[in-house]
PDB file of N, CA and C in Angstrom:
ATOM      1  N   MET A   1      75.987 142.074 107.874  1.00  0.00           N
ATOM      2  CA  MET A   1      74.465 141.228 107.184  1.00  0.00           C
ATOM      3  C   MET A   1      74.102 140.215 107.997  1.00  0.00           C
ATOM      4  N   ASN A   2      72.740 139.749 108.038  1.00  0.00           N
ATOM      5  CA  ASN A   2      72.046 138.801 108.758  1.00  0.00           C
ATOM      6  C   ASN A   2      72.599 137.717 108.669  1.00  0.00           C
ATOM      7  N   THR A   3      72.786 136.855 109.845  1.00  0.00           N
ATOM      8  CA  THR A   3      73.224 135.513 109.764  1.00  0.00           C
ATOM      9  C   THR A   3      73.016 134.276 108.588  1.00  0.00           C
ATOM     10  N   ILE A   4      71.347 134.826 109.157  1.00  0.00           N
ATOM     11  CA  ILE A   4      70.177 133.905 108.332  1.00  0.00           C
ATOM     12  C   ILE A   4      70.171 134.411 106.329  1.00  0.00           C
ATOM     13  N   LEU A   5      70.514 135.201 106.218  1.00  0.00           N
ATOM     14  CA  LEU A   5      70.857 135.402 104.857  1.00  0.00           C
ATOM     15  C   LEU A   5      72.064 134.911 104.420  1.00  0.00           C
ATOM     16  N   TYR A   6      73.304 134.792 105.170  1.00  0.00           N
ATOM     17  CA  TYR A   6      74.423 133.838 104.969  1.00  0.00           C
ATOM     18  C   TYR A   6      74.198 132.562 104.758  1.00  0.00           C
ATOM     19  N   PHE A   7      72.990 132.187 105.571  1.00  0.00           N
ATOM     20  CA  PHE A   7      72.785 131.125 105.450  1.00  0.00           C
ATOM     21  C   PHE A   7      71.948 130.227 104.310  1.00  0.00           C
ATOM     22  N   LEU A   8      71.188 131.239 103.662  1.00  0.00           N
ATOM     23  CA  LEU A   8      70.232 131.088 102.801  1.00  0.00           C
ATOM     24  C   LEU A   8      71.014 131.198 101.667  1.00  0.00           C
ATOM     25  N   LEU A   9      72.304 132.177 101.485  1.00  0.00           N
ATOM     26  CA  LEU A   9      72.980 132.181 100.200  1.00  0.00           C
ATOM     27  C   LEU A   9      73.872 130.873  99.985  1.00  0.00           C
ATOM     28  N   GLN A  10      74.445 130.393 101.032  1.00  0.00           N
ATOM     29  CA  GLN A  10      75.406 129.228 100.854  1.00  0.00           C
ATOM     30  C   GLN A  10      74.442 128.309 100.276  1.00  0.00           C
ATOM     31  N   VAL A  11      73.297 127.420 101.106  1.00  0.00           N
ATOM     32  CA  VAL A  11      72.606 126.708 100.346  1.00  0.00           C
ATOM     33  C   VAL A  11      71.741 127.322  99.049  1.00  0.00           C
ATOM     34  N   ILE A  12      71.215 128.258  98.732  1.00  0.00           N
ATOM     35  CA  ILE A  12      71.278 128.478  97.335  1.00  0.00           C
ATOM     36  C   ILE A  12      72.465 128.750  96.024  1.00  0.00           C
ATOM     37  N   LEU A  13      73.630 128.864  96.468  1.00  0.00           N
ATOM     38  CA  LEU A  13      74.723 128.571  95.789  1.00  0.00           C
ATOM     39  C   LEU A  13      75.030 127.476  95.943  1.00  0.00           C
ATOM     40  N   THR A  14      74.959 126.251  97.022  1.00  0.00           N
ATOM     41  CA  THR A  14      74.846 125.118  96.673  1.00  0.00           C
ATOM     42  C   THR A  14      74.240 124.384  95.727  1.00  0.00           C
ATOM     43  N   LEU A  15      72.602 125.088  95.575  1.00  0.00           N
ATOM     44  CA  LEU A  15      71.537 123.719  95.233  1.00  0.00           C
ATOM     45  C   LEU A  15      71.858 124.437  93.698  1.00  0.00           C
ATOM     46  N   VAL A  16      72.137 125.760  93.246  1.00  0.00           N
ATOM     47  CA  VAL A  16      72.392 126.270  91.684  1.00  0.00           C
ATOM     48  C   VAL A  16      73.527 125.567  91.018  1.00  0.00           C
ATOM     49  N   ILE A  17      74.443 125.432  92.065  1.00  0.00           N
ATOM     50  CA  ILE A  17      76.227 124.946  91.240  1.00  0.00           C
ATOM     51  C   ILE A  17      75.876 123.240  90.895  1.00  0.00           C
ATOM     52  N   SER A  18      74.878 122.324  92.270  1.00  0.00           N
ATOM     53  CA  SER A  18      74.488 121.184  92.121  1.00  0.00           C
ATOM     54  C   SER A  18      73.901 120.752  91.056  1.00  0.00           C
ATOM     55  N   ALA A  19      72.729 121.613  90.638  1.00  0.00           N
ATOM     56  CA  ALA A  19      71.650 121.399  89.408  1.00  0.00           C
ATOM     57  C   ALA A  19      72.409 122.241  88.064  1.00  0.00           C
ATOM     58  N   LEU A  20      73.577 122.830  87.766  1.00  0.00           N
ATOM     59  CA  LEU A  20      74.465 123.031  86.908  1.00  0.00           C
ATOM     60  C   LEU A  20      75.111 121.715  86.412  1.00  0.00           C
ATOM     61  N   ILE A  21      75.253 121.508  87.426  1.00  0.00           N
ATOM     62  CA  ILE A  21      76.401 120.175  87.227  1.00  0.00           C
ATOM     63  C   ILE A  21      75.407 118.943  86.668  1.00  0.00           C
ATOM     64  N   VAL A  22      74.285 118.995  87.681  1.00  0.00           N
ATOM     65  CA  VAL A  22      73.764 117.664  87.378  1.00  0.00           C
ATOM     66  C   VAL A  22      72.966 118.023  85.912  1.00  0.00           C
ATOM     67  N   GLY A  23      72.341 118.882  85.196  1.00  0.00           N
ATOM     68  CA  GLY A  23      71.999 119.160  84.434  1.00  0.00           C
ATOM     69  C   GLY A  23      73.078 119.007  82.888  1.00  0.00           C
ATOM     70  N   TYR A  24      74.486 119.361  83.141  1.00  0.00           N
ATOM     71  CA  TYR A  24      75.454 119.268  82.263  1.00  0.00           C
ATOM     72  C   TYR A  24      75.605 117.488  82.242  1.00  0.00           C
ATOM     73  N   LEU A  25      75.590 116.884  83.470  1.00  0.00           N
ATOM     74  CA  LEU A  25      76.393 115.184  83.431  1.00  0.00           C
ATOM     75  C   LEU A  25      74.817 114.396  82.987  1.00  0.00           C
ATOM     76  N   ARG A  26      73.650 115.334  82.975  1.00  0.00           N
ATOM     77  CA  ARG A  26      72.789 113.883  82.596  1.00  0.00           C
ATOM     78  C   ARG A  26      71.900 113.212  81.857  1.00  0.00           C
ATOM     79  N   PRO A  27      72.554 114.027  80.060  1.00  0.00           N
ATOM     80  CA  PRO A  27      72.474 113.511  79.201  1.00  0.00           C
ATOM     81  C   PRO A  27      73.554 112.298  79.090  1.00  0.00           C
ATOM     82  N   PHE A  28      74.414 112.432  78.820  1.00  0.00           N
ATOM     83  CA  PHE A  28      75.911 111.723  79.104  1.00  0.00           C
ATOM     84  C   PHE A  28      75.313 110.401  80.381  1.00  0.00           C
ATOM     85  N   LEU A  29      74.871 110.669  81.262  1.00  0.00           N
ATOM     86  CA  LEU A  29      74.639 109.016  82.444  1.00  0.00           C
ATOM     87  C   LEU A  29      73.529 108.812  81.553  1.00  0.00           C
ATOM     88  N   ARG A  30      72.375 109.118  81.336  1.00  0.00           N
ATOM     89  CA  ARG A  30      71.157 108.589  80.780  1.00  0.00           C
ATOM     90  C   ARG A  30      71.996 107.919  79.625  1.00  0.00           C
ATOM     91  N   LYS A  31      72.610 108.297  78.565  1.00  0.00           N
ATOM     92  CA  LYS A  31      73.283 107.376  77.581  1.00  0.00           C
ATOM     93  C   LYS A  31      73.933 105.976  78.126  1.00  0.00           C
ATOM     94  N   ILE A  32      74.886 106.193  79.176  1.00  0.00           N
ATOM     95  CA  ILE A  32      75.297 105.223  79.798  1.00  0.00           C
ATOM     96  C   ILE A  32      74.279 104.335  80.192  1.00  0.00           C
ATOM     97  N   LEU A  33      73.497 104.640  81.475  1.00  0.00           N
ATOM     98  CA  LEU A  33      72.775 103.755  81.801  1.00  0.00           C
ATOM     99  C   LEU A  33      71.513 103.013  80.773  1.00  0.00           C
ATOM    100  N   THR A  34      71.447 103.862  79.738  1.00  0.00           N
ATOM    101  CA  THR A  34      70.309 103.283  79.144  1.00  0.00           C
ATOM    102  C   THR A  34      71.533 101.905  78.072  1.00  0.00           C
ATOM    103  N   ASP A  35      72.589 102.114  78.055  1.00  0.00           N
ATOM    104  CA  ASP A  35      73.285 101.367  77.510  1.00  0.00           C
ATOM    105  C   ASP A  35      73.407  99.588  78.351  1.00  0.00           C
ATOM    106  N   LEU A  36      73.553 100.404  79.893  1.00  0.00           N
ATOM    107  CA  LEU A  36      74.231  99.121  80.645  1.00  0.00           C
ATOM    108  C   LEU A  36      72.720  98.512  81.103  1.00  0.00           C
ATOM    109  N   CYS A  37      71.642  99.559  81.341  1.00  0.00           N
ATOM    110  CA  CYS A  37      70.110  98.792  81.816  1.00  0.00           C
ATOM    111  C   CYS A  37      69.470  98.155  80.803  1.00  0.00           C
ATOM    112  N   GLY A  38      69.523  98.669  79.577  1.00  0.00           N
ATOM    113  CA  GLY A  38      69.188  97.925  78.066  1.00  0.00           C
ATOM    114  C   GLY A  38      67.758  98.495  77.762  1.00  0.00           C
ATOM    115  N   LEU A  39      67.331  98.947  78.942  1.00  0.00           N
ATOM    116  CA  LEU A  39      65.489  99.091  78.908  1.00  0.00           C
ATOM    117  C   LEU A  39      65.552 100.793  79.585  1.00  0.00           C
ATOM    118  N   GLU A  40      65.082 101.326  78.967  1.00  0.00           N
ATOM    119  CA  GLU A  40      64.432 102.874  78.870  1.00  0.00           C
ATOM    120  C   GLU A  40      64.053 103.597  80.393  1.00  0.00           C
ATOM    121  N   ASP A  41      62.915 102.233  80.814  1.00  0.00           N
ATOM    122  CA  ASP A  41      62.719 102.555  81.782  1.00  0.00           C
ATOM    123  C   ASP A  41      63.373 102.436  83.295  1.00  0.00           C
ATOM    124  N   ARG A  42      63.924 101.480  83.051  1.00  0.00           N
ATOM    125  CA  ARG A  42      65.139 101.347  84.103  1.00  0.00           C
ATOM    126  C   ARG A  42      66.195 102.169  84.008  1.00  0.00           C
ATOM    127  N   ALA A  43      66.624 102.910  83.148  1.00  0.00           N
ATOM    128  CA  ALA A  43      67.830 104.070  82.852  1.00  0.00           C
ATOM    129  C   ALA A  43      67.229 105.267  83.425  1.00  0.00           C
ATOM    130  N   GLN A  44      65.999 105.451  83.243  1.00  0.00           N
ATOM    131  CA  GLN A  44      65.148 106.788  83.835  1.00  0.00           C
ATOM    132  C   GLN A  44      65.021 106.507  85.394  1.00  0.00           C
ATOM    133  N   PHE A  45      65.106 105.189  85.863  1.00  0.00           N
ATOM    134  CA  PHE A  45      65.270 105.287  87.359  1.00  0.00           C
ATOM    135  C   PHE A  45      66.197 105.537  87.977  1.00  0.00           C
ATOM    136  N   TRP A  46      67.501 104.904  87.413  1.00  0.00           N
ATOM    137  CA  TRP A  46      68.833 105.246  87.642  1.00  0.00           C
ATOM    138  C   TRP A  46      69.353 106.511  87.571  1.00  0.00           C
ATOM    139  N   THR A  47      68.951 107.186  86.576  1.00  0.00           N
ATOM    140  CA  THR A  47      69.153 108.454  86.269  1.00  0.00           C
ATOM    141  C   THR A  47      68.540 109.697  87.276  1.00  0.00           C
ATOM    142  N   ALA A  48      67.222 109.276  87.842  1.00  0.00           N
ATOM    143  CA  ALA A  48      66.464 110.274  88.712  1.00  0.00           C
ATOM    144  C   ALA A  48      66.999 110.108  89.796  1.00  0.00           C
ATOM    145  N   PHE A  49      67.542 108.589  90.377  1.00  0.00           N
ATOM    146  CA  PHE A  49      68.571 108.283  91.617  1.00  0.00           C
ATOM    147  C   PHE A  49      69.445 108.960  91.501  1.00  0.00           C
ATOM    148  N   SER A  50      70.228 108.818  90.511  1.00  0.00           N
ATOM    149  CA  SER A  50      71.535 109.850  90.414  1.00  0.00           C
ATOM    150  C   SER A  50      71.521 111.509  91.031  1.00  0.00           C
ATOM    151  N   ASN A  51      70.573 111.608  90.229  1.00  0.00           N
ATOM    152  CA  ASN A  51      70.564 113.082  90.203  1.00  0.00           C
ATOM    153  C   ASN A  51      70.146 113.340  91.416  1.00  0.00           C
ATOM    154  N   ILE A  52      69.116 113.044  92.131  1.00  0.00           N
ATOM    155  CA  ILE A  52      68.745 112.966  93.798  1.00  0.00           C
ATOM    156  C   ILE A  52      69.948 113.040  94.439  1.00  0.00           C
ATOM    157  N   LEU A  53      70.954 112.002  94.172  1.00  0.00           N
ATOM    158  CA  LEU A  53      72.240 111.914  95.064  1.00  0.00           C
ATOM    159  C   LEU A  53      72.778 113.246  95.054  1.00  0.00           C
ATOM    160  N   LEU A  54      73.204 113.412  94.000  1.00  0.00           N
ATOM    161  CA  LEU A  54      73.816 114.087  93.118  1.00  0.00           C
ATOM    162  C   LEU A  54      73.761 116.067  93.891  1.00  0.00           C
ATOM    163  N   ILE A  55      72.267 115.912  94.224  1.00  0.00           N
ATOM    164  CA  ILE A  55      71.919 117.192  94.807  1.00  0.00           C
ATOM    165  C   ILE A  55      71.461 117.085  96.132  1.00  0.00           C
ATOM    166  N   GLY A  56      71.091 116.032  96.677  1.00  0.00           N
ATOM    167  CA  GLY A  56      70.590 115.409  98.000  1.00  0.00           C
ATOM    168  C   GLY A  56      72.141 115.888  98.866  1.00  0.00           C
ATOM    169  N   MET A  57      73.258 114.672  98.307  1.00  0.00           N
ATOM    170  CA  MET A  57      74.094 114.822  99.446  1.00  0.00           C
ATOM    171  C   MET A  57      75.008 116.021  99.658  1.00  0.00           C
ATOM    172  N   PRO A  58      75.047 117.294  98.849  1.00  0.00           N
ATOM    173  CA  PRO A  58      75.565 118.662  99.233  1.00  0.00           C
ATOM    174  C   PRO A  58      74.553 119.492  99.633  1.00  0.00           C
ATOM    175  N   MET A  59      73.232 119.603  99.408  1.00  0.00           N
ATOM    176  CA  MET A  59      72.264 120.121 100.608  1.00  0.00           C
ATOM    177  C   MET A  59      72.498 119.422 101.779  1.00  0.00           C
ATOM    178  N   ILE A  60      72.330 118.206 102.186  1.00  0.00           N
ATOM    179  CA  ILE A  60      72.342 117.837 103.296  1.00  0.00           C
ATOM    180  C   ILE A  60      73.716 118.518 104.095  1.00  0.00           C
ATOM    181  N   PHE A  61      74.908 118.701 103.357  1.00  0.00           N
ATOM    182  CA  PHE A  61      75.847 119.326 103.913  1.00  0.00           C
ATOM    183  C   PHE A  61      75.624 120.794 104.554  1.00  0.00           C
ATOM    184  N   ALA A  62      74.924 121.431 103.097  1.00  0.00           N
ATOM    185  CA  ALA A  62      74.309 122.799 103.160  1.00  0.00           C
ATOM    186  C   ALA A  62      73.693 123.026 104.076  1.00  0.00           C
ATOM    187  N   LEU A  63      72.678 122.122 104.700  1.00  0.00           N
ATOM    188  CA  LEU A  63      71.667 122.641 105.841  1.00  0.00           C
ATOM    189  C   LEU A  63      72.099 122.521 107.124  1.00  0.00           C
ATOM    190  N   ASN A  64      73.598 121.944 107.606  1.00  0.00           N
ATOM    191  CA  ASN A  64      73.824 121.575 108.489  1.00  0.00           C
ATOM    192  C   ASN A  64      75.216 122.804 108.865  1.00  0.00           C
ATOM    193  N   TYR A  65      74.502 123.892 108.029  1.00  0.00           N
ATOM    194  CA  TYR A  65      75.552 125.042 107.973  1.00  0.00           C
ATOM    195  C   TYR A  65      74.668 125.788 109.378  1.00  0.00           C
ATOM    196  N   LYS A  66      75.928 126.445 110.327  1.00  0.00           N
ATOM    197  CA  LYS A  66      75.204 127.416 111.709  1.00  0.00           C
ATOM    198  C   LYS A  66      76.544 128.990 111.390  1.00  0.00           C
ATOM    199  N   PRO A  67      76.164 129.867 110.785  1.00  0.00           N
ATOM    200  CA  PRO A  67      77.057 130.924 110.714  1.00  0.00           C
ATOM    201  C   PRO A  67      77.482 131.375 111.929  1.00  0.00           C
ATOM    202  N   GLU A  68      78.810 130.737 112.987  1.00  0.00           N
ATOM    203  CA  GLU A  68      79.673 131.929 113.948  1.00  0.00           C
ATOM    204  C   GLU A  68      80.448 133.063 114.000  1.00  0.00           C
ATOM    205  N   ALA A  69      80.678 133.291 112.859  1.00  0.00           N
ATOM    206  CA  ALA A  69      81.530 134.680 112.562  1.00  0.00           C
ATOM    207  C   ALA A  69      80.849 135.660 112.898  1.00  0.00           C
ATOM    208  N   LYS A  70      81.827 136.856 113.481  1.00  0.00           N
ATOM    209  CA  LYS A  70      80.799 138.192 114.075  1.00  0.00           C
ATOM    210  C   LYS A  70      81.126 139.191 113.240  1.00  0.00           C
ATOM    211  N   ASN A  71      81.780 139.222 112.044  1.00  0.00           N
ATOM    212  CA  ASN A  71      81.896 140.167 111.066  1.00  0.00           C
ATOM    213  C   ASN A  71      82.140 139.981 109.770  1.00  0.00           C
ATOM    214  N   THR A  72      81.395 140.517 108.695  1.00  0.00           N
ATOM    215  CA  THR A  72      81.380 140.297 107.684  1.00  0.00           C
ATOM    216  C   THR A  72      82.625 139.561 106.318  1.00  0.00           C
ATOM    217  N   GLU A  73      83.920 140.095 107.183  1.00  0.00           N
ATOM    218  CA  GLU A  73      85.103 139.556 106.292  1.00  0.00           C
ATOM    219  C   GLU A  73      84.924 137.810 106.529  1.00  0.00           C
ATOM    220  N   GLN A  74      84.617 137.723 108.311  1.00  0.00           N
ATOM    221  CA  GLN A  74      85.240 136.512 109.161  1.00  0.00           C
ATOM    222  C   GLN A  74      83.659 135.402 108.085  1.00  0.00           C
ATOM    223  N   LEU A  75      82.190 136.329 108.313  1.00  0.00           N
ATOM    224  CA  LEU A  75      81.119 135.524 107.289  1.00  0.00           C
ATOM    225  C   LEU A  75      81.614 134.982 105.803  1.00  0.00           C
ATOM    226  N   PHE A  76      82.408 135.891 104.950  1.00  0.00           N
ATOM    227  CA  PHE A  76      82.438 135.793 103.638  1.00  0.00           C
ATOM    228  C   PHE A  76      83.193 134.306 103.503  1.00  0.00           C
ATOM    229  N   PHE A  77      84.055 134.716 104.196  1.00  0.00           N
ATOM    230  CA  PHE A  77      85.585 132.986 104.167  1.00  0.00           C
ATOM    231  C   PHE A  77      84.849 131.936 105.159  1.00  0.00           C
ATOM    232  N   GLU A  78      83.843 132.075 105.841  1.00  0.00           N
ATOM    233  CA  GLU A  78      83.484 130.886 106.531  1.00  0.00           C
ATOM    234  C   GLU A  78      82.302 130.383 105.256  1.00  0.00           C
ATOM    235  N   VAL A  79      81.486 131.061 104.709  1.00  0.00           N
ATOM    236  CA  VAL A  79      80.297 130.743 103.621  1.00  0.00           C
ATOM    237  C   VAL A  79      81.794 129.709 102.464  1.00  0.00           C
ATOM    238  N   ALA A  80      82.620 130.463 102.117  1.00  0.00           N
ATOM    239  CA  ALA A  80      83.373 129.998 101.150  1.00  0.00           C
ATOM    240  C   ALA A  80      83.710 128.744 101.638  1.00  0.00           C
ATOM    241  N   GLY A  81      84.405 128.404 102.719  1.00  0.00           N
ATOM    242  CA  GLY A  81      84.548 127.256 103.550  1.00  0.00           C
ATOM    243  C   GLY A  81      83.661 126.355 103.627  1.00  0.00           C
ATOM    244  N   LYS A  82      82.237 126.483 103.663  1.00  0.00           N
ATOM    245  CA  LYS A  82      81.258 125.663 103.748  1.00  0.00           C
ATOM    246  C   LYS A  82      80.993 125.291 102.532  1.00  0.00           C
ATOM    247  N   LEU A  83      80.952 126.268 101.330  1.00  0.00           N
ATOM    248  CA  LEU A  83      80.828 125.693  99.967  1.00  0.00           C
ATOM    249  C   LEU A  83      81.604 124.737  99.412  1.00  0.00           C
ATOM    250  N   SER A  84      82.610 124.958 100.211  1.00  0.00           N
ATOM    251  CA  SER A  84      83.811 124.180  99.687  1.00  0.00           C
ATOM    252  C   SER A  84      83.485 122.903 100.234  1.00  0.00           C
ATOM    253  N   GLY A  85      83.122 122.583 101.184  1.00  0.00           N
ATOM    254  CA  GLY A  85      82.606 121.113 101.608  1.00  0.00           C
ATOM    255  C   GLY A  85      81.452 120.714 101.321  1.00  0.00           C
ATOM    256  N   ASN A  86      80.256 121.120 100.686  1.00  0.00           N
ATOM    257  CA  ASN A  86      79.284 121.434 100.292  1.00  0.00           C
ATOM    258  C   ASN A  86      79.613 120.778  98.795  1.00  0.00           C
ATOM    259  N   LEU A  87      80.756 121.337  98.211  1.00  0.00           N
ATOM    260  CA  LEU A  87      80.802 120.711  96.683  1.00  0.00           C
ATOM    261  C   LEU A  87      81.785 119.164  97.195  1.00  0.00           C
ATOM    262  N   GLY A  88      82.447 119.311  98.047  1.00  0.00           N
ATOM    263  CA  GLY A  88      83.426 117.847  98.325  1.00  0.00           C
ATOM    264  C   GLY A  88      81.926 117.064  98.140  1.00  0.00           C
ATOM    265  N   GLY A  89      80.920 117.079  99.274  1.00  0.00           N
ATOM    266  CA  GLY A  89      80.016 116.313  99.011  1.00  0.00           C
ATOM    267  C   GLY A  89      79.649 115.859  97.957  1.00  0.00           C
ATOM    268  N   LEU A  90      79.263 116.790  97.002  1.00  0.00           N
ATOM    269  CA  LEU A  90      79.077 116.496  95.561  1.00  0.00           C
ATOM    270  C   LEU A  90      79.898 115.621  94.811  1.00  0.00           C
ATOM    271  N   LEU A  91      81.153 116.383  94.896  1.00  0.00           N
ATOM    272  CA  LEU A  91      82.322 115.464  94.347  1.00  0.00           C
ATOM    273  C   LEU A  91      82.151 113.686  95.095  1.00  0.00           C
ATOM    274  N   PHE A  92      81.946 113.627  96.206  1.00  0.00           N
ATOM    275  CA  PHE A  92      82.720 112.338  96.780  1.00  0.00           C
ATOM    276  C   PHE A  92      80.835 111.340  96.445  1.00  0.00           C
ATOM    277  N   ALA A  93      79.588 112.377  95.967  1.00  0.00           N
ATOM    278  CA  ALA A  93      78.737 111.285  95.217  1.00  0.00           C
ATOM    279  C   ALA A  93      78.829 111.678  93.917  1.00  0.00           C
ATOM    280  N   LEU A  94      79.388 111.977  93.418  1.00  0.00           N
ATOM    281  CA  LEU A  94      79.836 111.985  92.040  1.00  0.00           C
ATOM    282  C   LEU A  94      80.669 110.739  91.880  1.00  0.00           C
ATOM    283  N   ILE A  95      81.952 110.816  92.647  1.00  0.00           N
ATOM    284  CA  ILE A  95      82.701 109.430  92.228  1.00  0.00           C
ATOM    285  C   ILE A  95      82.310 108.350  92.501  1.00  0.00           C
ATOM    286  N   SER A  96      81.354 107.991  93.551  1.00  0.00           N
ATOM    287  CA  SER A  96      80.474 107.438  94.376  1.00  0.00           C
ATOM    288  C   SER A  96      79.586 106.204  92.688  1.00  0.00           C
ATOM    289  N   ILE A  97      78.937 107.480  92.021  1.00  0.00           N
ATOM    290  CA  ILE A  97      78.151 106.934  91.137  1.00  0.00           C
ATOM    291  C   ILE A  97      79.293 106.707  89.977  1.00  0.00           C
ATOM    292  N   GLY A  98      80.107 107.793  89.879  1.00  0.00           N
ATOM    293  CA  GLY A  98      81.352 106.747  89.002  1.00  0.00           C
ATOM    294  C   GLY A  98      81.867 105.299  88.659  1.00  0.00           C
ATOM    295  N   VAL A  99      81.986 104.970  90.260  1.00  0.00           N
ATOM    296  CA  VAL A  99      83.369 103.914  90.436  1.00  0.00           C
ATOM    297  C   VAL A  99      81.863 102.737  90.434  1.00  0.00           C
ATOM    298  N   ILE A 100      80.219 102.986  91.007  1.00  0.00           N
ATOM    299  CA  ILE A 100      79.685 101.967  90.829  1.00  0.00           C
ATOM    300  C   ILE A 100      79.045 101.619  88.939  1.00  0.00           C
ATOM    301  N   VAL A 101      78.971 102.824  88.380  1.00  0.00           N
ATOM    302  CA  VAL A 101      78.683 102.413  87.015  1.00  0.00           C
ATOM    303  C   VAL A 101      79.766 101.946  86.023  1.00  0.00           C
ATOM    304  N   SER A 102      80.976 102.382  86.369  1.00  0.00           N
ATOM    305  CA  SER A 102      82.089 101.562  85.896  1.00  0.00           C
ATOM    306  C   SER A 102      82.530 100.282  86.118  1.00  0.00           C
ATOM    307  N   PHE A 103      82.109 100.045  87.269  1.00  0.00           N
ATOM    308  CA  PHE A 103      82.257  98.375  87.544  1.00  0.00           C
ATOM    309  C   PHE A 103      80.785  97.777  87.019  1.00  0.00           C
ATOM    310  N   PHE A 104      79.837  98.684  86.857  1.00  0.00           N
ATOM    311  CA  PHE A 104      78.686  97.582  85.978  1.00  0.00           C
ATOM    312  C   PHE A 104      79.193  97.567  84.883  1.00  0.00           C
ATOM    313  N   ALA A 105      79.949  98.481  84.003  1.00  0.00           N
ATOM    314  CA  ALA A 105      80.117  99.000  82.577  1.00  0.00           C
ATOM    315  C   ALA A 105      81.173  97.733  82.253  1.00  0.00           C
ATOM    316  N   LEU A 106      82.233  97.342  83.307  1.00  0.00           N
ATOM    317  CA  LEU A 106      83.062  96.322  82.864  1.00  0.00           C
ATOM    318  C   LEU A 106      82.667  94.901  83.200  1.00  0.00           C
ATOM    319  N   VAL A 107      81.551  94.538  83.979  1.00  0.00           N
ATOM    320  CA  VAL A 107      80.771  93.256  83.977  1.00  0.00           C
ATOM    321  C   VAL A 107      79.964  93.031  83.454  1.00  0.00           C
ATOM    322  N   ALA A 108      78.812  94.073  82.826  1.00  0.00           N
ATOM    323  CA  ALA A 108      77.773  93.905  81.969  1.00  0.00           C
ATOM    324  C   ALA A 108      78.306  93.419  80.603  1.00  0.00           C
ATOM    325  N   PRO A 109      77.252  91.916  80.113  1.00  0.00           N
ATOM    326  CA  PRO A 109      77.820  91.639  79.486  1.00  0.00           C
ATOM    327  C   PRO A 109      77.124  92.312  77.811  1.00  0.00           C
ATOM    328  N   LYS A 110      78.616  92.430  76.972  1.00  0.00           N
ATOM    329  CA  LYS A 110      78.520  93.176  75.940  1.00  0.00           C
ATOM    330  C   LYS A 110      77.636  92.186  74.619  1.00  0.00           C
ATOM    331  N   PRO A 111      76.870  93.025  73.752  1.00  0.00           N
ATOM    332  CA  PRO A 111      76.128  92.380  72.495  1.00  0.00           C
ATOM    333  C   PRO A 111      77.121  91.875  71.784  1.00  0.00           C
ATOM    334  N   ALA A 112      77.144  90.737  70.933  1.00  0.00           N
ATOM    335  CA  ALA A 112      78.099  90.693  69.963  1.00  0.00           C
ATOM    336  C   ALA A 112      77.769  91.148  69.073  1.00  0.00           C
ATOM    337  N   LYS A 113      79.144  91.362  68.333  1.00  0.00           N
ATOM    338  CA  LYS A 113      79.362  92.468  66.737  1.00  0.00           C
ATOM    339  C   LYS A 113      79.421  91.798  65.916  1.00  0.00           C
ATOM    340  N   THR A 114      78.102  91.963  65.010  1.00  0.00           N
ATOM    341  CA  THR A 114      78.124  91.593  63.919  1.00  0.00           C
ATOM    342  C   THR A 114      78.816  92.053  62.746  1.00  0.00           C
ATOM    343  N   GLU A 115      79.297  91.209  61.773  1.00  0.00           N
ATOM    344  CA  GLU A 115      80.413  91.407  60.837  1.00  0.00           C
ATOM    345  C   GLU A 115      79.901  91.581  59.804  1.00  0.00           C
ATOM    346  N   ALA A 116      80.297  92.929  59.061  1.00  0.00           N
ATOM    347  CA  ALA A 116      79.472  93.474  57.850  1.00  0.00           C
ATOM    348  C   ALA A 116      80.293  92.609  56.950  1.00  0.00           C
ATOM    349  N   LYS A 117      79.225  92.456  55.563  1.00  0.00           N
ATOM    350  CA  LYS A 117      79.744  91.454  54.631  1.00  0.00           C
ATOM    351  C   LYS A 117      79.489  92.039  53.578  1.00  0.00           C
TER     352      LYS A 117
END
């Protein structure tokens, strides 16, 4: 099989997996960011920023792939190894966003709770 097809396969798989994870996390992240930012516009910006980071980081790794294997079996495992690295980039971006959001969640002033009478 052509090495260009393997390159495209790992890029498409990386994009699809990243998009599925971002789609799953988006509503939860948006609620947290709306709570932390206070305004919907700010939360929309930081949600978009996070989405770009979560898709962009793995794609940077994916586009840096040059297949070198000579047969189909080697190419398969090479692509699998590269996908592992790409998803590692996604995990790194996700952990980074999690640490930053957690930090601001701890430091952000909490609204005073009113007692029900």
